[in-house]
């Protein structure tokens, strides 16, 4: 969900620093900036700086200078591919929990965070629809707020300004009340607020249609690049090796098992375990080993408004019915969400590092309307910046983890549905356990790649339709036994026509 924007970006090759700006409206809308100072090629923008307020002036990740190794080894126990939040977390947990030392290697084709992590909002919502997700996020939060800084000295940029969730229906009130109950089990403080209390918590909030709100004071945000810097520094301190500007040219296999990783520089690393943490590039990486990775890249966007003096204490907010979130970004508001008509990224470019797309305002308009309805003052604000970057999404809006059925020793850590920052710590820990053949601390089957039938994982029509539905329904109430509506009937038993003729009503499982 979005990025730390409203900061300054360095243009590729320019050496100069310019901001993303422009307030001139199109069709009278203050949200539609007509000019941008980023260099653009076609429908993309190329950016060469970390998108965090704590970035160094030379564009490097805070705390990450001189972190990276120089000579690619010829052998490793585990090779992690991808230097985003999840890949860095996996490396950190392999080094810390499983003592792999220099036998744990991470390869990144550009620079750490350069794919999708750099433009993440870093939002952390502690109360989630499932206990598994709640536990995973709790581990990330503990790492970001205490553990990593003590171990590495890197401040992860944690800001605990809380989270507010308005309920506009009795069904949503019941759902949010269930979150409160779940929070009590995990010692996560939260409470339901009246409309008047909600407005006092969030001045400027429209509560005319609000029945109540859930307030979770322990929610907040993490600076993505700082988090990755801490993961990598922690891993390096324990002996792990990190290589930037190291592209993977091939995955070597023999008799259905991983045997090595071949880099574009000509080095082959002998290994029996490879971890695919390549984000939107995971399908391409999987194809090198004959592995089908069921995710689809989409464009995911947000805008940052002009400054609003005096809003420094307001919580982040999700209006589920409008499918929009509003995050405090310094003295500005960041607005994003999950639209009904997302744009797929079909031609995934290999060199799309620190890059953005042009924002499609016709698609994003729904989030503008939703945010203005909930916080009317937004209608009078200009737009400081827009960010539209690639994210990977899956058919059930859950990550893809674990060893694939096609090739022994090939693991997935991808498809995080724009929740990679807040899930990185917990999922990195559990994936490290899977890689080392250890028992996971929580039941991870709902994230395991084997939950999908092999006949569907490379079915493009099923992937697109089901992922589209899951994306659009992200903020919907998670009812028990809820059934997907798209791409049904992909697999049928021989008895299907006869039972259907007799009035059978079907549920769907594995297509």
Foldseek 3Di string as FASTA:
>chain_A
DWALAPAWFDEPPPPDIDFFAAQDDDPPFSADGPDGDFDDDDFKGFTQAQSDPPTDPVRDQPLQPPLADDDDDQAAAEEEEAQFLQSLLLLLLCCPVVVRAANYEYEAQADHCFAPLSTAHQWQDQQDQDPLLNVLLVLLLCCQPPVLCVQRVQHQAWDQLWEKEFDLDPVVVVLLVVSCVSCVVVVFDKDKAALVVLCVLPPLFDCPRTGIMIIGRRITGTRRSSSSSSSSSSSVVSRYHYYYSWAWPAFDDDPQFTQWTATPVGRTYGYGAYEQAHFQCSCVHLVRVPHFAQKFKFKFKKFKWPFDPPRVNHQWYAHLVLQKTWHDNPRIIIIGGFFLDTGTDDDDDPPQTNMFGNDDCVRGVSRVVVVCNGRVVRSVTHTGHMGIHMGMAWLQQAAEFADGPRGRNYIYGYHNNSCCSSSSNSRSNQRSCRNVVHDGPDDCPVRYNVQADPVCSPPVQSSVFSRSQNRNCVSPRDDPLDADDPPPPPDDDPCVVVVVVVPDDDGDGND
